Amino acid sequence: MSGDTGKLRNIGPKSAARLRQVGLRSAADLAATGAVAAFMKVKRAGFKPGLNLLYALEGALLDCHWHDVPEARRQQLLAEVEAASAALPAARGRPEAGPVTVAYCRDDDTATGDDDDRS
């Protein structure tokens, strides 16, 4: 396994970008971290990864399609994620943070389409 995370089996551009955002830039980074810890890093960063990402990460480590990750291993991964999630600090009544986004606002004239200054 070598190269950046965008070249790994099962890892598309969006997943590779999320992995880079949490500091996992290479196949070696993923191998050293493991599928569960990588999944939890993405989750703690505010993204809402589905279990397919977990299985895709494991498949990348095993160099197989994520569908081919054995059911027993999937159940083990799920149990590890549940245990790791339970160990996270409580959100204290606040919803889990989402990814940071930037919103651009227009002034009222631009928003309504009244660009010219006619009276």
PDB file of N, CA and C in Angstrom:
ATOM      1  N   MET A   1       0.843  -1.160   0.000  1.00  0.00           N
ATOM      2  CA  MET A   1       0.000   0.000   0.000  1.00  0.00           C
ATOM      3  C   MET A   1       0.894   1.231   0.000  1.00  0.00           C
ATOM      4  N   SER A   2       0.707   2.098  -0.961  1.00  0.00           N
ATOM      5  CA  SER A   2       1.531   3.304  -1.010  1.00  0.00           C
ATOM      6  C   SER A   2       0.745   4.429  -1.634  1.00  0.00           C
ATOM      7  N   GLY A   3       1.292   5.631  -1.558  1.00  0.00           N
ATOM      8  CA  GLY A   3       0.665   6.778  -2.189  1.00  0.00           C
ATOM      9  C   GLY A   3      -0.290   7.503  -1.269  1.00  0.00           C
ATOM     10  N   ASP A   4      -0.962   8.522  -1.861  1.00  0.00           N
ATOM     11  CA  ASP A   4      -1.881   9.302  -1.052  1.00  0.00           C
ATOM     12  C   ASP A   4      -3.219   8.590  -0.929  1.00  0.00           C
ATOM     13  N   THR A   5      -4.035   9.044   0.007  1.00  0.00           N
ATOM     14  CA  THR A   5      -5.301   8.379   0.295  1.00  0.00           C
ATOM     15  C   THR A   5      -6.254   8.416  -0.883  1.00  0.00           C
ATOM     16  N   GLY A   6      -6.119   9.390  -1.770  1.00  0.00           N
ATOM     17  CA  GLY A   6      -6.978   9.476  -2.946  1.00  0.00           C
ATOM     18  C   GLY A   6      -6.740   8.361  -3.949  1.00  0.00           C
ATOM     19  N   LYS A   7      -5.638   7.649  -3.816  1.00  0.00           N
ATOM     20  CA  LYS A   7      -5.311   6.560  -4.738  1.00  0.00           C
ATOM     21  C   LYS A   7      -5.665   5.186  -4.168  1.00  0.00           C
ATOM     22  N   LEU A   8      -6.177   5.156  -2.951  1.00  0.00           N
ATOM     23  CA  LEU A   8      -6.502   3.888  -2.311  1.00  0.00           C
ATOM     24  C   LEU A   8      -7.795   3.299  -2.864  1.00  0.00           C
ATOM     25  N   ARG A   9      -7.863   2.012  -2.867  1.00  0.00           N
ATOM     26  CA  ARG A   9      -9.066   1.300  -3.277  1.00  0.00           C
ATOM     27  C   ARG A   9     -10.212   1.695  -2.348  1.00  0.00           C
ATOM     28  N   ASN A  10     -11.379   1.913  -2.895  1.00  0.00           N
ATOM     29  CA  ASN A  10     -12.615   2.260  -2.171  1.00  0.00           C
ATOM     30  C   ASN A  10     -12.697   3.719  -1.730  1.00  0.00           C
ATOM     31  N   ILE A  11     -11.632   4.476  -1.857  1.00  0.00           N
ATOM     32  CA  ILE A  11     -11.617   5.840  -1.329  1.00  0.00           C
ATOM     33  C   ILE A  11     -11.773   6.831  -2.482  1.00  0.00           C
ATOM     34  N   GLY A  12     -12.935   7.464  -2.523  1.00  0.00           N
ATOM     35  CA  GLY A  12     -13.221   8.453  -3.563  1.00  0.00           C
ATOM     36  C   GLY A  12     -12.697   9.817  -3.171  1.00  0.00           C
ATOM     37  N   PRO A  13     -12.900  10.796  -4.038  1.00  0.00           N
ATOM     38  CA  PRO A  13     -12.368  12.142  -3.792  1.00  0.00           C
ATOM     39  C   PRO A  13     -12.898  12.786  -2.509  1.00  0.00           C
ATOM     40  N   LYS A  14     -14.173  12.613  -2.227  1.00  0.00           N
ATOM     41  CA  LYS A  14     -14.761  13.232  -1.032  1.00  0.00           C
ATOM     42  C   LYS A  14     -14.182  12.604   0.237  1.00  0.00           C
ATOM     43  N   SER A  15     -14.107  11.293   0.263  1.00  0.00           N
ATOM     44  CA  SER A  15     -13.537  10.613   1.435  1.00  0.00           C
ATOM     45  C   SER A  15     -12.058  10.945   1.583  1.00  0.00           C
ATOM     46  N   ALA A  16     -11.332  10.999   0.484  1.00  0.00           N
ATOM     47  CA  ALA A  16      -9.907  11.343   0.536  1.00  0.00           C
ATOM     48  C   ALA A  16      -9.722  12.751   1.091  1.00  0.00           C
ATOM     49  N   ALA A  17     -10.596  13.679   0.692  1.00  0.00           N
ATOM     50  CA  ALA A  17     -10.506  15.054   1.192  1.00  0.00           C
ATOM     51  C   ALA A  17     -10.755  15.094   2.696  1.00  0.00           C
ATOM     52  N   ARG A  18     -11.736  14.343   3.160  1.00  0.00           N
ATOM     53  CA  ARG A  18     -12.016  14.305   4.599  1.00  0.00           C
ATOM     54  C   ARG A  18     -10.852  13.692   5.363  1.00  0.00           C
ATOM     55  N   LEU A  19     -10.273  12.646   4.811  1.00  0.00           N
ATOM     56  CA  LEU A  19      -9.118  12.026   5.469  1.00  0.00           C
ATOM     57  C   LEU A  19      -7.955  13.013   5.547  1.00  0.00           C
ATOM     58  N   ARG A  20      -7.713  13.754   4.457  1.00  0.00           N
ATOM     59  CA  ARG A  20      -6.643  14.758   4.477  1.00  0.00           C
ATOM     60  C   ARG A  20      -6.927  15.823   5.533  1.00  0.00           C
ATOM     61  N   GLN A  21      -8.192  16.213   5.662  1.00  0.00           N
ATOM     62  CA  GLN A  21      -8.545  17.262   6.625  1.00  0.00           C
ATOM     63  C   GLN A  21      -8.281  16.828   8.069  1.00  0.00           C
ATOM     64  N   VAL A  22      -8.294  15.536   8.321  1.00  0.00           N
ATOM     65  CA  VAL A  22      -8.019  15.056   9.685  1.00  0.00           C
ATOM     66  C   VAL A  22      -6.583  14.562   9.831  1.00  0.00           C
ATOM     67  N   GLY A  23      -5.733  14.878   8.846  1.00  0.00           N
ATOM     68  CA  GLY A  23      -4.311  14.580   8.955  1.00  0.00           C
ATOM     69  C   GLY A  23      -3.875  13.243   8.393  1.00  0.00           C
ATOM     70  N   LEU A  24      -4.767  12.526   7.730  1.00  0.00           N
ATOM     71  CA  LEU A  24      -4.411  11.236   7.128  1.00  0.00           C
ATOM     72  C   LEU A  24      -4.211  11.459   5.634  1.00  0.00           C
ATOM     73  N   ARG A  25      -2.959  11.687   5.255  1.00  0.00           N
ATOM     74  CA  ARG A  25      -2.650  12.084   3.886  1.00  0.00           C
ATOM     75  C   ARG A  25      -2.103  10.956   3.029  1.00  0.00           C
ATOM     76  N   SER A  26      -1.716   9.855   3.647  1.00  0.00           N
ATOM     77  CA  SER A  26      -1.102   8.779   2.870  1.00  0.00           C
ATOM     78  C   SER A  26      -1.638   7.429   3.305  1.00  0.00           C
ATOM     79  N   ALA A  27      -1.358   6.440   2.476  1.00  0.00           N
ATOM     80  CA  ALA A  27      -1.734   5.070   2.803  1.00  0.00           C
ATOM     81  C   ALA A  27      -1.037   4.637   4.088  1.00  0.00           C
ATOM     82  N   ALA A  28       0.197   5.085   4.268  1.00  0.00           N
ATOM     83  CA  ALA A  28       0.944   4.743   5.487  1.00  0.00           C
ATOM     84  C   ALA A  28       0.271   5.351   6.720  1.00  0.00           C
ATOM     85  N   ASP A  29      -0.237   6.585   6.587  1.00  0.00           N
ATOM     86  CA  ASP A  29      -0.967   7.212   7.695  1.00  0.00           C
ATOM     87  C   ASP A  29      -2.189   6.376   8.068  1.00  0.00           C
ATOM     88  N   LEU A  30      -2.932   5.938   7.050  1.00  0.00           N
ATOM     89  CA  LEU A  30      -4.123   5.128   7.295  1.00  0.00           C
ATOM     90  C   LEU A  30      -3.751   3.794   7.935  1.00  0.00           C
ATOM     91  N   ALA A  31      -2.714   3.166   7.431  1.00  0.00           N
ATOM     92  CA  ALA A  31      -2.286   1.874   7.980  1.00  0.00           C
ATOM     93  C   ALA A  31      -1.857   2.013   9.442  1.00  0.00           C
ATOM     94  N   ALA A  32      -1.159   3.091   9.753  1.00  0.00           N
ATOM     95  CA  ALA A  32      -0.698   3.301  11.127  1.00  0.00           C
ATOM     96  C   ALA A  32      -1.856   3.630  12.064  1.00  0.00           C
ATOM     97  N   THR A  33      -2.892   4.245  11.532  1.00  0.00           N
ATOM     98  CA  THR A  33      -4.036   4.672  12.341  1.00  0.00           C
ATOM     99  C   THR A  33      -5.065   3.571  12.501  1.00  0.00           C
ATOM    100  N   GLY A  34      -5.346   2.860  11.408  1.00  0.00           N
ATOM    101  CA  GLY A  34      -6.373   1.823  11.428  1.00  0.00           C
ATOM    102  C   GLY A  34      -7.723   2.375  11.017  1.00  0.00           C
ATOM    103  N   ALA A  35      -8.589   1.491  10.564  1.00  0.00           N
ATOM    104  CA  ALA A  35      -9.885   1.896  10.029  1.00  0.00           C
ATOM    105  C   ALA A  35     -10.763   2.568  11.077  1.00  0.00           C
ATOM    106  N   VAL A  36     -10.835   1.993  12.273  1.00  0.00           N
ATOM    107  CA  VAL A  36     -11.729   2.534  13.304  1.00  0.00           C
ATOM    108  C   VAL A  36     -11.257   3.907  13.764  1.00  0.00           C
ATOM    109  N   ALA A  37      -9.980   4.044  14.054  1.00  0.00           N
ATOM    110  CA  ALA A  37      -9.461   5.333  14.512  1.00  0.00           C
ATOM    111  C   ALA A  37      -9.588   6.391  13.421  1.00  0.00           C
ATOM    112  N   ALA A  38      -9.373   6.019  12.170  1.00  0.00           N
ATOM    113  CA  ALA A  38      -9.533   6.962  11.062  1.00  0.00           C
ATOM    114  C   ALA A  38     -10.991   7.405  10.953  1.00  0.00           C
ATOM    115  N   PHE A  39     -11.909   6.454  11.044  1.00  0.00           N
ATOM    116  CA  PHE A  39     -13.339   6.756  11.003  1.00  0.00           C
ATOM    117  C   PHE A  39     -13.707   7.712  12.138  1.00  0.00           C
ATOM    118  N   MET A  40     -13.187   7.454  13.330  1.00  0.00           N
ATOM    119  CA  MET A  40     -13.497   8.306  14.485  1.00  0.00           C
ATOM    120  C   MET A  40     -12.897   9.701  14.333  1.00  0.00           C
ATOM    121  N   LYS A  41     -11.729   9.815  13.707  1.00  0.00           N
ATOM    122  CA  LYS A  41     -11.153  11.138  13.448  1.00  0.00           C
ATOM    123  C   LYS A  41     -12.075  11.942  12.548  1.00  0.00           C
ATOM    124  N   VAL A  42     -12.606  11.290  11.503  1.00  0.00           N
ATOM    125  CA  VAL A  42     -13.525  11.966  10.586  1.00  0.00           C
ATOM    126  C   VAL A  42     -14.787  12.384  11.342  1.00  0.00           C
ATOM    127  N   LYS A  43     -15.284  11.503  12.176  1.00  0.00           N
ATOM    128  CA  LYS A  43     -16.493  11.789  12.954  1.00  0.00           C
ATOM    129  C   LYS A  43     -16.258  12.942  13.927  1.00  0.00           C
ATOM    130  N   ARG A  44     -15.132  12.909  14.647  1.00  0.00           N
ATOM    131  CA  ARG A  44     -14.822  13.968  15.611  1.00  0.00           C
ATOM    132  C   ARG A  44     -14.587  15.314  14.926  1.00  0.00           C
ATOM    133  N   ALA A  45     -14.228  15.287  13.657  1.00  0.00           N
ATOM    134  CA  ALA A  45     -14.009  16.530  12.918  1.00  0.00           C
ATOM    135  C   ALA A  45     -15.328  17.210  12.557  1.00  0.00           C
ATOM    136  N   GLY A  46     -16.445  16.540  12.847  1.00  0.00           N
ATOM    137  CA  GLY A  46     -17.740  17.164  12.585  1.00  0.00           C
ATOM    138  C   GLY A  46     -18.472  16.621  11.382  1.00  0.00           C
ATOM    139  N   PHE A  47     -17.840  15.730  10.655  1.00  0.00           N
ATOM    140  CA  PHE A  47     -18.519  15.106   9.526  1.00  0.00           C
ATOM    141  C   PHE A  47     -19.431  14.007  10.070  1.00  0.00           C
ATOM    142  N   LYS A  48     -20.336  13.554   9.272  1.00  0.00           N
ATOM    143  CA  LYS A  48     -21.246  12.483   9.683  1.00  0.00           C
ATOM    144  C   LYS A  48     -21.039  11.283   8.757  1.00  0.00           C
ATOM    145  N   PRO A  49     -19.930  10.580   8.960  1.00  0.00           N
ATOM    146  CA  PRO A  49     -19.624   9.455   8.067  1.00  0.00           C
ATOM    147  C   PRO A  49     -20.576   8.287   8.281  1.00  0.00           C
ATOM    148  N   GLY A  50     -20.916   7.633   7.192  1.00  0.00           N
ATOM    149  CA  GLY A  50     -21.725   6.435   7.275  1.00  0.00           C
ATOM    150  C   GLY A  50     -20.836   5.217   7.449  1.00  0.00           C
ATOM    151  N   LEU A  51     -21.464   4.102   7.744  1.00  0.00           N
ATOM    152  CA  LEU A  51     -20.692   2.874   7.950  1.00  0.00           C
ATOM    153  C   LEU A  51     -19.978   2.434   6.681  1.00  0.00           C
ATOM    154  N   ASN A  52     -20.470   2.852   5.517  1.00  0.00           N
ATOM    155  CA  ASN A  52     -19.768   2.499   4.278  1.00  0.00           C
ATOM    156  C   ASN A  52     -18.346   3.040   4.285  1.00  0.00           C
ATOM    157  N   LEU A  53     -18.125   4.211   4.889  1.00  0.00           N
ATOM    158  CA  LEU A  53     -16.753   4.735   4.979  1.00  0.00           C
ATOM    159  C   LEU A  53     -15.905   3.811   5.840  1.00  0.00           C
ATOM    160  N   LEU A  54     -16.463   3.362   6.943  1.00  0.00           N
ATOM    161  CA  LEU A  54     -15.728   2.443   7.816  1.00  0.00           C
ATOM    162  C   LEU A  54     -15.313   1.192   7.053  1.00  0.00           C
ATOM    163  N   TYR A  55     -16.251   0.609   6.324  1.00  0.00           N
ATOM    164  CA  TYR A  55     -15.960  -0.611   5.574  1.00  0.00           C
ATOM    165  C   TYR A  55     -15.017  -0.323   4.409  1.00  0.00           C
ATOM    166  N   ALA A  56     -15.142   0.862   3.810  1.00  0.00           N
ATOM    167  CA  ALA A  56     -14.237   1.244   2.721  1.00  0.00           C
ATOM    168  C   ALA A  56     -12.807   1.385   3.236  1.00  0.00           C
ATOM    169  N   LEU A  57     -12.660   1.965   4.426  1.00  0.00           N
ATOM    170  CA  LEU A  57     -11.329   2.107   5.013  1.00  0.00           C
ATOM    171  C   LEU A  57     -10.712   0.742   5.297  1.00  0.00           C
ATOM    172  N   GLU A  58     -11.517  -0.155   5.851  1.00  0.00           N
ATOM    173  CA  GLU A  58     -11.020  -1.501   6.126  1.00  0.00           C
ATOM    174  C   GLU A  58     -10.664  -2.219   4.828  1.00  0.00           C
ATOM    175  N   GLY A  59     -11.512  -2.066   3.810  1.00  0.00           N
ATOM    176  CA  GLY A  59     -11.220  -2.667   2.507  1.00  0.00           C
ATOM    177  C   GLY A  59      -9.942  -2.104   1.907  1.00  0.00           C
ATOM    178  N   ALA A  60      -9.716  -0.805   2.084  1.00  0.00           N
ATOM    179  CA  ALA A  60      -8.483  -0.194   1.586  1.00  0.00           C
ATOM    180  C   ALA A  60      -7.273  -0.815   2.272  1.00  0.00           C
ATOM    181  N   LEU A  61      -7.393  -1.039   3.575  1.00  0.00           N
ATOM    182  CA  LEU A  61      -6.285  -1.649   4.317  1.00  0.00           C
ATOM    183  C   LEU A  61      -6.058  -3.101   3.905  1.00  0.00           C
ATOM    184  N   LEU A  62      -7.147  -3.802   3.573  1.00  0.00           N
ATOM    185  CA  LEU A  62      -7.036  -5.203   3.159  1.00  0.00           C
ATOM    186  C   LEU A  62      -6.830  -5.363   1.660  1.00  0.00           C
ATOM    187  N   ASP A  63      -6.881  -4.240   0.935  1.00  0.00           N
ATOM    188  CA  ASP A  63      -6.799  -4.215  -0.527  1.00  0.00           C
ATOM    189  C   ASP A  63      -7.876  -5.102  -1.162  1.00  0.00           C
ATOM    190  N   CYS A  64      -9.112  -4.896  -0.688  1.00  0.00           N
ATOM    191  CA  CYS A  64     -10.245  -5.596  -1.276  1.00  0.00           C
ATOM    192  C   CYS A  64     -11.415  -4.621  -1.387  1.00  0.00           C
ATOM    193  N   HIS A  65     -12.398  -4.967  -2.196  1.00  0.00           N
ATOM    194  CA  HIS A  65     -13.598  -4.146  -2.313  1.00  0.00           C
ATOM    195  C   HIS A  65     -14.301  -4.146  -0.964  1.00  0.00           C
ATOM    196  N   TRP A  66     -14.907  -3.030  -0.595  1.00  0.00           N
ATOM    197  CA  TRP A  66     -15.520  -2.950   0.733  1.00  0.00           C
ATOM    198  C   TRP A  66     -16.643  -3.955   0.919  1.00  0.00           C
ATOM    199  N   HIS A  67     -17.289  -4.380  -0.167  1.00  0.00           N
ATOM    200  CA  HIS A  67     -18.321  -5.421  -0.059  1.00  0.00           C
ATOM    201  C   HIS A  67     -17.725  -6.753   0.387  1.00  0.00           C
ATOM    202  N   ASP A  68     -16.440  -6.947   0.128  1.00  0.00           N
ATOM    203  CA  ASP A  68     -15.781  -8.215   0.437  1.00  0.00           C
ATOM    204  C   ASP A  68     -15.216  -8.293   1.856  1.00  0.00           C
ATOM    205  N   VAL A  69     -15.385  -7.232   2.637  1.00  0.00           N
ATOM    206  CA  VAL A  69     -14.969  -7.298   4.037  1.00  0.00           C
ATOM    207  C   VAL A  69     -15.921  -8.290   4.710  1.00  0.00           C
ATOM    208  N   PRO A  70     -15.388  -9.337   5.324  1.00  0.00           N
ATOM    209  CA  PRO A  70     -16.242 -10.378   5.910  1.00  0.00           C
ATOM    210  C   PRO A  70     -17.220  -9.824   6.954  1.00  0.00           C
ATOM    211  N   GLU A  71     -18.398 -10.425   7.005  1.00  0.00           N
ATOM    212  CA  GLU A  71     -19.443  -9.966   7.935  1.00  0.00           C
ATOM    213  C   GLU A  71     -18.958  -9.981   9.385  1.00  0.00           C
ATOM    214  N   ALA A  72     -18.210 -10.987   9.762  1.00  0.00           N
ATOM    215  CA  ALA A  72     -17.695 -11.050  11.139  1.00  0.00           C
ATOM    216  C   ALA A  72     -16.791  -9.849  11.427  1.00  0.00           C
ATOM    217  N   ARG A  73     -15.972  -9.477  10.468  1.00  0.00           N
ATOM    218  CA  ARG A  73     -15.089  -8.319  10.639  1.00  0.00           C
ATOM    219  C   ARG A  73     -15.907  -7.033  10.688  1.00  0.00           C
ATOM    220  N   ARG A  74     -16.954  -6.944   9.863  1.00  0.00           N
ATOM    221  CA  ARG A  74     -17.824  -5.753   9.891  1.00  0.00           C
ATOM    222  C   ARG A  74     -18.438  -5.584  11.275  1.00  0.00           C
ATOM    223  N   GLN A  75     -18.909  -6.686  11.852  1.00  0.00           N
ATOM    224  CA  GLN A  75     -19.512  -6.622  13.179  1.00  0.00           C
ATOM    225  C   GLN A  75     -18.488  -6.196  14.228  1.00  0.00           C
ATOM    226  N   GLN A  76     -17.264  -6.691  14.086  1.00  0.00           N
ATOM    227  CA  GLN A  76     -16.191  -6.303  15.006  1.00  0.00           C
ATOM    228  C   GLN A  76     -15.884  -4.813  14.874  1.00  0.00           C
ATOM    229  N   LEU A  77     -15.795  -4.319  13.635  1.00  0.00           N
ATOM    230  CA  LEU A  77     -15.544  -2.899  13.400  1.00  0.00           C
ATOM    231  C   LEU A  77     -16.658  -2.052  14.007  1.00  0.00           C
ATOM    232  N   LEU A  78     -17.899  -2.468  13.793  1.00  0.00           N
ATOM    233  CA  LEU A  78     -19.041  -1.741  14.325  1.00  0.00           C
ATOM    234  C   LEU A  78     -18.990  -1.685  15.853  1.00  0.00           C
ATOM    235  N   ALA A  79     -18.662  -2.793  16.485  1.00  0.00           N
ATOM    236  CA  ALA A  79     -18.551  -2.824  17.944  1.00  0.00           C
ATOM    237  C   ALA A  79     -17.446  -1.881  18.427  1.00  0.00           C
ATOM    238  N   GLU A  80     -16.338  -1.843  17.707  1.00  0.00           N
ATOM    239  CA  GLU A  80     -15.234  -0.954  18.078  1.00  0.00           C
ATOM    240  C   GLU A  80     -15.642   0.508  17.925  1.00  0.00           C
ATOM    241  N   VAL A  81     -16.380   0.829  16.864  1.00  0.00           N
ATOM    242  CA  VAL A  81     -16.845   2.208  16.667  1.00  0.00           C
ATOM    243  C   VAL A  81     -17.832   2.587  17.765  1.00  0.00           C
ATOM    244  N   GLU A  82     -18.742   1.683  18.116  1.00  0.00           N
ATOM    245  CA  GLU A  82     -19.703   1.972  19.180  1.00  0.00           C
ATOM    246  C   GLU A  82     -18.991   2.211  20.508  1.00  0.00           C
ATOM    247  N   ALA A  83     -17.979   1.407  20.799  1.00  0.00           N
ATOM    248  CA  ALA A  83     -17.223   1.590  22.037  1.00  0.00           C
ATOM    249  C   ALA A  83     -16.470   2.920  22.014  1.00  0.00           C
ATOM    250  N   ALA A  84     -15.872   3.257  20.886  1.00  0.00           N
ATOM    251  CA  ALA A  84     -15.141   4.522  20.769  1.00  0.00           C
ATOM    252  C   ALA A  84     -16.097   5.709  20.846  1.00  0.00           C
ATOM    253  N   SER A  85     -17.283   5.573  20.273  1.00  0.00           N
ATOM    254  CA  SER A  85     -18.278   6.655  20.316  1.00  0.00           C
ATOM    255  C   SER A  85     -18.777   6.867  21.734  1.00  0.00           C
ATOM    256  N   ALA A  86     -18.959   5.789  22.474  1.00  0.00           N
ATOM    257  CA  ALA A  86     -19.425   5.895  23.851  1.00  0.00           C
ATOM    258  C   ALA A  86     -18.389   6.593  24.727  1.00  0.00           C
ATOM    259  N   ALA A  87     -17.137   6.499  24.357  1.00  0.00           N
ATOM    260  CA  ALA A  87     -16.064   7.122  25.132  1.00  0.00           C
ATOM    261  C   ALA A  87     -15.916   8.607  24.838  1.00  0.00           C
ATOM    262  N   LEU A  88     -16.592   9.099  23.790  1.00  0.00           N
ATOM    263  CA  LEU A  88     -16.508  10.526  23.468  1.00  0.00           C
ATOM    264  C   LEU A  88     -17.225  11.337  24.537  1.00  0.00           C
ATOM    265  N   PRO A  89     -16.744  12.544  24.835  1.00  0.00           N
ATOM    266  CA  PRO A  89     -17.439  13.376  25.818  1.00  0.00           C
ATOM    267  C   PRO A  89     -18.834  13.745  25.318  1.00  0.00           C
ATOM    268  N   ALA A  90     -19.764  13.891  26.244  1.00  0.00           N
ATOM    269  CA  ALA A  90     -21.140  14.259  25.893  1.00  0.00           C
ATOM    270  C   ALA A  90     -21.164  15.658  25.305  1.00  0.00           C
ATOM    271  N   ALA A  91     -22.120  15.892  24.426  1.00  0.00           N
ATOM    272  CA  ALA A  91     -22.232  17.181  23.743  1.00  0.00           C
ATOM    273  C   ALA A  91     -22.908  18.237  24.607  1.00  0.00           C
ATOM    274  N   ARG A  92     -23.300  17.900  25.825  1.00  0.00           N
ATOM    275  CA  ARG A  92     -23.927  18.835  26.767  1.00  0.00           C
ATOM    276  C   ARG A  92     -25.158  19.511  26.171  1.00  0.00           C
ATOM    277  N   GLY A  93     -26.019  18.729  25.570  1.00  0.00           N
ATOM    278  CA  GLY A  93     -27.268  19.257  25.043  1.00  0.00           C
ATOM    279  C   GLY A  93     -27.166  19.954  23.706  1.00  0.00           C
ATOM    280  N   ARG A  94     -25.970  20.064  23.194  1.00  0.00           N
ATOM    281  CA  ARG A  94     -25.789  20.717  21.894  1.00  0.00           C
ATOM    282  C   ARG A  94     -25.707  19.652  20.826  1.00  0.00           C
ATOM    283  N   PRO A  95     -26.190  19.965  19.636  1.00  0.00           N
ATOM    284  CA  PRO A  95     -26.044  18.995  18.549  1.00  0.00           C
ATOM    285  C   PRO A  95     -24.577  18.856  18.168  1.00  0.00           C
ATOM    286  N   GLU A  96     -24.239  17.700  17.591  1.00  0.00           N
ATOM    287  CA  GLU A  96     -22.877  17.464  17.139  1.00  0.00           C
ATOM    288  C   GLU A  96     -22.510  18.513  16.097  1.00  0.00           C
ATOM    289  N   ALA A  97     -21.310  19.027  16.182  1.00  0.00           N
ATOM    290  CA  ALA A  97     -20.870  20.076  15.258  1.00  0.00           C
ATOM    291  C   ALA A  97     -20.793  19.539  13.838  1.00  0.00           C
ATOM    292  N   GLY A  98     -21.118  20.377  12.900  1.00  0.00           N
ATOM    293  CA  GLY A  98     -20.999  20.019  11.489  1.00  0.00           C
ATOM    294  C   GLY A  98     -19.728  20.598  10.918  1.00  0.00           C
ATOM    295  N   PRO A  99     -19.434  20.259   9.678  1.00  0.00           N
ATOM    296  CA  PRO A  99     -18.240  20.820   9.046  1.00  0.00           C
ATOM    297  C   PRO A  99     -18.357  22.338   8.918  1.00  0.00           C
ATOM    298  N   VAL A 100     -17.258  22.996   8.949  1.00  0.00           N
ATOM    299  CA  VAL A 100     -17.240  24.447   8.822  1.00  0.00           C
ATOM    300  C   VAL A 100     -17.532  24.821   7.379  1.00  0.00           C
ATOM    301  N   THR A 101     -18.486  25.726   7.202  1.00  0.00           N
ATOM    302  CA  THR A 101     -18.821  26.215   5.867  1.00  0.00           C
ATOM    303  C   THR A 101     -18.818  27.729   5.895  1.00  0.00           C
ATOM    304  N   VAL A 102     -18.697  28.330   4.736  1.00  0.00           N
ATOM    305  CA  VAL A 102     -18.704  29.773   4.619  1.00  0.00           C
ATOM    306  C   VAL A 102     -19.925  30.164   3.803  1.00  0.00           C
ATOM    307  N   ALA A 103     -20.709  31.085   4.329  1.00  0.00           N
ATOM    308  CA  ALA A 103     -21.898  31.558   3.619  1.00  0.00           C
ATOM    309  C   ALA A 103     -21.606  32.961   3.093  1.00  0.00           C
ATOM    310  N   TYR A 104     -22.009  33.210   1.882  1.00  0.00           N
ATOM    311  CA  TYR A 104     -21.838  34.520   1.286  1.00  0.00           C
ATOM    312  C   TYR A 104     -23.205  35.176   1.189  1.00  0.00           C
ATOM    313  N   CYS A 105     -23.311  36.399   1.668  1.00  0.00           N
ATOM    314  CA  CYS A 105     -24.577  37.124   1.635  1.00  0.00           C
ATOM    315  C   CYS A 105     -24.489  38.241   0.604  1.00  0.00           C
ATOM    316  N   ARG A 106     -25.620  38.487  -0.017  1.00  0.00           N
ATOM    317  CA  ARG A 106     -25.704  39.603  -0.956  1.00  0.00           C
ATOM    318  C   ARG A 106     -26.542  40.692  -0.326  1.00  0.00           C
ATOM    319  N   ASP A 107     -26.319  41.938  -0.762  1.00  0.00           N
ATOM    320  CA  ASP A 107     -27.180  42.994  -0.243  1.00  0.00           C
ATOM    321  C   ASP A 107     -28.570  42.843  -0.855  1.00  0.00           C
ATOM    322  N   ASP A 108     -29.541  43.537  -0.317  1.00  0.00           N
ATOM    323  CA  ASP A 108     -30.939  43.366  -0.733  1.00  0.00           C
ATOM    324  C   ASP A 108     -31.161  43.622  -2.213  1.00  0.00           C
ATOM    325  N   ASP A 109     -30.501  44.629  -2.785  1.00  0.00           N
ATOM    326  CA  ASP A 109     -30.702  44.926  -4.200  1.00  0.00           C
ATOM    327  C   ASP A 109     -30.252  43.763  -5.068  1.00  0.00           C
ATOM    328  N   THR A 110     -29.136  43.178  -4.758  1.00  0.00           N
ATOM    329  CA  THR A 110     -28.623  42.069  -5.559  1.00  0.00           C
ATOM    330  C   THR A 110     -29.511  40.839  -5.393  1.00  0.00           C
ATOM    331  N   ALA A 111     -29.979  40.619  -4.180  1.00  0.00           N
ATOM    332  CA  ALA A 111     -30.787  39.434  -3.913  1.00  0.00           C
ATOM    333  C   ALA A 111     -32.124  39.491  -4.652  1.00  0.00           C
ATOM    334  N   THR A 112     -32.671  40.689  -4.847  1.00  0.00           N
ATOM    335  CA  THR A 112     -33.968  40.795  -5.531  1.00  0.00           C
ATOM    336  C   THR A 112     -33.826  41.009  -7.022  1.00  0.00           C
ATOM    337  N   GLY A 113     -32.619  41.238  -7.473  1.00  0.00           N
ATOM    338  CA  GLY A 113     -32.407  41.448  -8.900  1.00  0.00           C
ATOM    339  C   GLY A 113     -32.489  42.911  -9.308  1.00  0.00           C
ATOM    340  N   ASP A 114     -32.672  43.828  -8.347  1.00  0.00           N
ATOM    341  CA  ASP A 114     -32.734  45.263  -8.643  1.00  0.00           C
ATOM    342  C   ASP A 114     -31.342  45.834  -8.605  1.00  0.00           C
ATOM    343  N   ASP A 115     -30.611  45.647  -9.685  1.00  0.00           N
ATOM    344  CA  ASP A 115     -29.225  46.095  -9.712  1.00  0.00           C
ATOM    345  C   ASP A 115     -29.092  47.560 -10.067  1.00  0.00           C
ATOM    346  N   ASP A 116     -30.032  48.098 -10.852  1.00  0.00           N
ATOM    347  CA  ASP A 116     -29.837  49.469 -11.286  1.00  0.00           C
ATOM    348  C   ASP A 116     -30.474  50.440 -10.306  1.00  0.00           C
ATOM    349  N   ASP A 117     -30.026  51.669 -10.393  1.00  0.00           N
ATOM    350  CA  ASP A 117     -30.445  52.695  -9.447  1.00  0.00           C
ATOM    351  C   ASP A 117     -31.596  53.542  -9.997  1.00  0.00           C
ATOM    352  N   ARG A 118     -32.430  52.995 -10.850  1.00  0.00           N
ATOM    353  CA  ARG A 118     -33.539  53.780 -11.389  1.00  0.00           C
ATOM    354  C   ARG A 118     -34.548  54.077 -10.298  1.00  0.00           C
ATOM    355  N   SER A 119     -35.146  55.283 -10.363  1.00  0.00           N
ATOM    356  CA  SER A 119     -36.167  55.658  -9.378  1.00  0.00           C
ATOM    357  C   SER A 119     -37.541  55.608  -9.982  1.00  0.00           C
TER     358      SER A 119
END
